[in-house]
Protein backbone atom coordinates (compact mmCIF):
# COMPACT_ATOMS: atom_id res chain seq x y z
CA MET A 1 71.96 99.28 124.52
CA PRO A 2 75.79 99.82 123.87
CA ASN A 3 76.82 103.44 123.98
CA GLU A 4 79.66 105.68 123.33
CA LYS A 5 80.51 105.65 126.82
CA SER A 6 80.36 102.24 127.26
CA LEU A 7 82.01 101.18 124.17
CA ASN A 8 85.04 103.75 124.99
CA LEU A 9 85.40 101.73 128.43
CA ALA A 10 85.34 98.23 126.26
CA SER A 11 88.04 100.21 123.93
CA GLN A 12 90.39 100.61 127.25
CA SER A 13 90.83 96.82 128.00
CA ALA A 14 93.17 93.94 126.24
CA ALA A 15 94.62 96.90 123.93
CA VAL A 16 95.95 95.92 120.87
CA ALA A 17 98.28 98.17 118.36
CA LEU A 18 95.66 98.35 115.45
CA SER A 19 91.95 98.10 114.70
CA VAL A 20 91.14 97.56 111.38
CA VAL A 21 87.18 99.05 111.00
CA VAL A 22 85.60 97.99 107.90
CA PRO A 23 81.74 98.94 107.54
CA VAL A 24 79.78 96.64 105.53
CA PHE A 25 76.17 96.89 104.13
CA ASN A 26 74.98 93.92 102.18
CA GLU A 27 78.34 92.61 100.96
CA ALA A 28 77.36 89.28 102.17
CA GLU A 29 79.57 87.89 99.09
CA ASN A 30 82.59 89.79 100.27
CA VAL A 31 83.24 89.56 103.70
CA GLU A 32 84.79 86.02 104.20
CA LYS A 33 87.31 86.68 101.33
CA LEU A 34 88.11 90.03 102.85
CA ALA A 35 88.25 88.79 106.41
CA ARG A 36 90.38 86.37 105.82
CA GLU A 37 92.68 88.48 103.47
CA ILE A 38 92.98 90.93 106.74
CA GLN A 39 94.36 87.61 108.81
CA THR A 40 96.98 86.78 106.15
CA ALA A 41 98.25 90.64 105.87
CA LEU A 42 98.44 91.31 109.49
CA LYS A 43 99.30 87.55 110.88
CA SER A 44 102.51 89.12 112.18
CA TYR A 45 100.90 91.92 113.96
CA ASP A 46 99.38 92.71 116.81
CA PHE A 47 95.64 93.79 115.60
CA GLU A 48 91.96 93.06 115.49
CA MET A 49 89.36 93.67 112.97
CA ILE A 50 86.05 95.27 113.42
CA PHE A 51 83.28 94.64 110.87
CA VAL A 52 80.37 96.79 111.41
CA ASN A 53 77.16 95.48 109.78
CA ASP A 54 75.18 98.27 108.76
CA ALA A 55 71.68 96.40 109.22
CA SER A 56 72.21 94.83 105.95
CA THR A 57 69.20 93.05 104.77
CA ASP A 58 71.14 90.34 103.69
CA SER A 59 72.63 87.49 105.17
CA THR A 60 76.10 89.49 105.67
CA GLN A 61 75.55 88.85 109.32
CA ALA A 62 75.17 85.39 109.52
CA ALA A 63 78.55 84.88 107.31
CA LEU A 64 80.19 87.20 109.90
CA ILE A 65 79.38 84.99 112.89
CA ALA A 66 80.07 81.89 110.82
CA LEU A 67 83.51 83.32 110.42
CA LYS A 68 84.57 84.30 114.30
CA GLN A 69 85.03 80.45 114.70
CA ASP A 70 88.09 80.49 112.47
CA LEU A 71 89.18 84.12 112.87
CA PRO A 72 89.23 84.72 116.91
CA ARG A 73 90.41 88.43 116.09
CA LEU A 74 87.14 89.13 114.21
CA ARG A 75 84.64 91.19 115.83
CA VAL A 76 80.93 91.92 114.74
CA LEU A 77 79.43 95.01 115.35
CA SER A 78 75.58 95.33 114.32
CA HIS A 79 73.85 98.75 114.05
CA ARG A 80 69.77 98.13 114.66
CA GLN A 81 68.95 100.64 112.20
CA ASN A 82 71.03 101.67 109.02
CA SER A 83 72.84 104.49 109.52
CA GLY A 84 75.52 105.03 106.61
CA GLN A 85 79.30 104.28 106.22
CA SER A 86 80.52 107.16 108.14
CA ARG A 87 78.64 106.42 111.50
CA SER A 88 79.77 102.57 110.74
CA ILE A 89 83.06 103.93 111.05
CA ARG A 90 83.01 105.96 114.37
CA THR A 91 81.08 102.86 115.45
CA GLY A 92 83.97 100.48 114.84
CA ILE A 93 86.33 102.97 116.07
CA LEU A 94 84.49 103.73 119.51
CA ALA A 95 84.73 100.16 120.05
CA ALA A 96 88.39 99.56 118.96
CA LYS A 97 90.88 98.78 121.05
CA GLY A 98 93.92 99.96 119.21
CA ALA A 99 95.48 103.43 119.85
CA LEU A 100 96.00 103.44 115.93
CA ILE A 101 92.87 102.38 113.47
CA ALA A 102 93.06 101.28 109.82
CA THR A 103 89.98 101.68 107.92
CA LEU A 104 88.86 99.95 104.46
CA ASP A 105 85.68 99.65 102.49
CA GLY A 106 84.03 96.33 102.60
CA ASP A 107 83.40 95.67 98.84
CA GLY A 108 86.78 94.48 98.46
CA GLN A 109 88.53 97.40 96.05
CA ASN A 110 90.74 97.97 99.17
CA ASP A 111 93.62 95.81 99.20
CA PRO A 112 94.35 94.26 103.02
CA ALA A 113 98.02 93.64 101.56
CA ASP A 114 98.42 97.72 101.61
CA ILE A 115 97.75 98.00 105.38
CA PRO A 116 101.22 97.07 106.62
CA ALA A 117 102.91 99.51 104.64
CA LEU A 118 100.62 102.46 106.03
CA TYR A 119 100.90 101.33 109.46
CA THR A 120 105.22 100.66 109.45
CA ALA A 121 105.15 104.67 107.40
CA PHE A 122 102.85 105.50 110.49
CA THR A 123 104.90 104.06 112.86
CA ARG A 124 108.46 104.88 111.84
CA GLU A 125 110.77 106.38 113.96
CA ASP A 126 111.35 110.04 112.23
CA ALA A 127 107.41 110.19 111.80
CA PRO A 128 106.18 113.98 112.59
CA GLU A 129 104.86 113.70 115.98
CA THR A 130 101.88 115.59 115.02
CA LEU A 131 101.02 112.99 112.27
CA GLY A 132 97.77 112.29 112.23
CA MET A 133 96.92 110.20 109.09
CA ILE A 134 98.33 108.29 106.51
CA GLY A 135 95.99 108.38 103.33
CA GLY A 136 95.88 105.62 100.43
CA HIS A 137 96.17 107.21 97.13
CA ARG A 138 94.62 104.86 94.40
CA ALA A 139 97.14 105.44 91.57
CA LEU A 140 95.63 102.87 89.22
CA ARG A 141 91.80 103.07 90.04
CA LYS A 142 89.53 99.52 88.70
CA ASP A 143 86.00 101.84 88.19
CA SER A 144 84.28 103.10 85.76
CA LEU A 145 85.50 106.37 83.34
CA ALA A 146 82.54 108.04 84.46
CA LYS A 147 82.88 107.39 88.33
CA LYS A 148 86.88 107.90 87.77
CA TYR A 149 86.23 111.66 85.36
CA ALA A 150 83.32 112.39 88.52
CA SER A 151 86.29 111.43 91.14
CA ARG A 152 88.80 113.59 90.06
CA PHE A 153 86.25 116.48 89.04
CA GLY A 154 85.07 116.25 92.67
CA ASN A 155 88.53 115.78 94.39
CA GLY A 156 89.60 118.78 92.53
CA ILE A 157 87.34 121.10 93.31
CA ARG A 158 87.84 119.50 97.09
CA LYS A 159 91.26 120.72 96.87
CA ARG A 160 91.18 124.32 95.60
CA LEU A 161 88.38 125.40 98.07
CA LEU A 162 89.62 123.28 101.36
CA LYS A 163 93.52 123.60 100.48
CA ASP A 164 94.09 120.13 102.15
CA ASN A 165 96.61 118.75 99.79
CA ALA A 166 94.56 115.16 99.33
CA ARG A 167 94.55 113.81 95.84
CA ASP A 168 92.08 110.65 96.96
CA THR A 169 89.75 111.63 99.74
CA GLY A 170 87.68 108.52 98.27
CA CYS A 171 90.10 105.65 99.05
CA GLY A 172 88.51 104.10 101.82
CA LEU A 173 92.42 102.80 103.09
CA LYS A 174 93.28 105.05 105.75
CA VAL A 175 95.50 104.87 109.33
CA PHE A 176 94.98 107.41 111.32
CA LYS A 177 94.87 108.26 115.34
CA ARG A 178 92.35 106.70 117.14
CA ASP A 179 92.19 110.23 119.57
CA ALA A 180 92.60 112.18 116.80
CA PHE A 181 89.75 110.61 114.55
CA LEU A 182 87.61 111.27 117.93
CA ARG A 183 88.75 115.13 118.03
CA LEU A 184 87.02 115.98 114.91
CA PRO A 185 82.86 117.37 114.22
CA TYR A 186 81.09 114.09 113.38
CA PHE A 187 78.46 114.39 110.69
CA ASP A 188 77.07 112.03 107.66
CA HIS A 189 79.83 111.66 105.02
CA ILE A 190 82.83 112.56 107.67
CA HIS A 191 85.25 109.95 106.12
CA ARG A 192 85.51 112.00 102.92
CA TYR A 193 87.06 115.05 104.61
CA LEU A 194 89.05 113.37 107.08
CA PRO A 195 92.18 115.40 105.55
CA ALA A 196 90.43 119.00 105.84
CA LEU A 197 89.59 118.29 109.52
CA MET A 198 93.10 116.47 110.69
CA LEU A 199 94.67 119.68 109.16
CA ARG A 200 92.08 122.08 111.56
CA GLU A 201 93.02 120.32 114.26
CA GLY A 202 96.59 121.23 113.89
CA TYR A 203 97.70 116.76 112.82
CA VAL A 204 99.97 116.23 109.76
CA CYS A 205 98.65 113.86 106.78
CA GLU A 206 100.55 111.98 104.72
CA TYR A 207 99.68 109.54 101.34
CA VAL A 208 101.19 106.32 100.15
CA ASP A 209 100.39 104.55 96.63
CA VAL A 210 98.26 101.61 97.40
CA ASN A 211 96.41 99.18 94.86
CA HIS A 212 92.42 99.22 93.77
CA ARG A 213 90.74 96.23 92.80
CA HIS A 214 87.76 95.54 90.82
CA ARG A 215 84.52 94.93 92.79
CA GLU A 216 83.73 91.02 92.36
CA PHE A 217 80.29 90.87 93.84
CA GLY A 218 77.68 93.33 95.22
CA VAL A 219 77.02 96.74 94.00
CA SER A 220 77.98 100.04 95.00
CA LYS A 221 75.70 101.93 97.28
CA TYR A 222 76.37 105.42 95.47
CA THR A 223 75.83 106.89 92.41
CA ASN A 224 77.93 109.75 90.85
CA PHE A 225 75.08 112.23 91.11
CA GLY A 226 73.91 111.18 94.66
CA ARG A 227 77.36 111.74 95.55
CA LEU A 228 77.49 114.93 94.07
CA ILE A 229 74.38 116.21 95.64
CA VAL A 230 75.24 115.26 99.06
CA SER A 231 79.28 116.43 98.65
CA LEU A 232 78.02 119.83 97.70
CA SER A 233 76.23 120.14 101.06
CA ASP A 234 78.97 118.88 102.94
CA LEU A 235 81.72 120.76 101.20
CA LEU A 236 79.75 123.83 102.49
CA GLY A 237 79.79 122.58 105.97
CA VAL A 238 83.65 121.71 106.44
CA MET A 239 84.33 125.10 104.45
CA TRP A 240 82.17 126.59 107.51
CA LEU A 241 83.87 124.71 110.11
CA ASN A 242 87.44 125.55 108.65
CA ARG A 243 86.51 129.61 108.87
CA ARG A 244 85.27 128.78 112.48
CA ALA A 245 88.35 126.60 113.77
CA ARG A 246 90.92 128.49 116.12
CA ASN A 247 93.95 126.29 117.39
CA PRO A 248 95.89 127.53 120.71
CA GLN A 249 98.78 125.18 119.13
CA GLY A 250 99.03 123.18 122.10
CA PHE A 251 98.53 124.23 125.65
CA ASP A 252 100.69 123.92 128.97
CA GLU A 253 99.83 122.87 132.24
CA VAL A 254 101.58 125.55 134.85
C-alpha cells in the first residue's frame, strides 16, 4: 500500500514544472472533457495532471483509465476508501512531481484555460520571494442565488475573523508551491482555508479573476447547510491555529 514516504520519493523523479491535481468523486460524465481541456490549455507547458479518484461508486475510475492511452501526461490515483476533497488534494500533491501545484474542481466549473494565467503570474520575474499561492476569484459565478448568498455570507465571516483578505476561498482553481502546502497543518476541509494558513507560515497570497462555468453533469457533493455546519467548527479551529502560531521569520545556519 503506498504511503506518504513512498509518494514523496516518487515525486522526486522525473520532475515537471507544474502538476495539476484534480480531486473527483462520482464525476464519470465530466472527467474526459476536463482532462482534455487541461491537455489543450497546457500543451506548450511542462506539466502532468493527476486525477485522484476518491473511491467513486460510478464509472469514474474506468473512464480515467481509458483516457490514459490518449493522454500520456495523465496519472490516476484511486483511494481505497472515500476520504473527502481535502484528502484527495493532499494525496495528489504528495505524489506530484512538480514544485508548483495547480488545483481545480472535478465538476468542470473551473476553466482549465485560466491555469496559464495563474502560472504566468506566479513565475513572473518580479513575483515576491515569499509568494506562496495565487488563488482564483470567480468574478461571475454560475451558481444558484442561494449558493451565491451562502458563499458570500461565509466568505464575509471568514475574512473578518481570519483577516486573510481572500474574497473567494471556495474557488478550486489555485496555483501554489508544493513545499508550502506540505508545511501547513493538515485537517479535513483545509482547502477552504489555504490563504489564512499560508499567511500563518509567512507566505504572500495573490488573487486573479477567473472564469466560472455551469455544472453540465452530475450533482454537487455539498449542501449549503452542511457546508455551514462544517465551516463553523473549522473556522474556530483555524482561529486557534493562528493564535498558537510563532513565526521565526526564517533561519540562518551559523
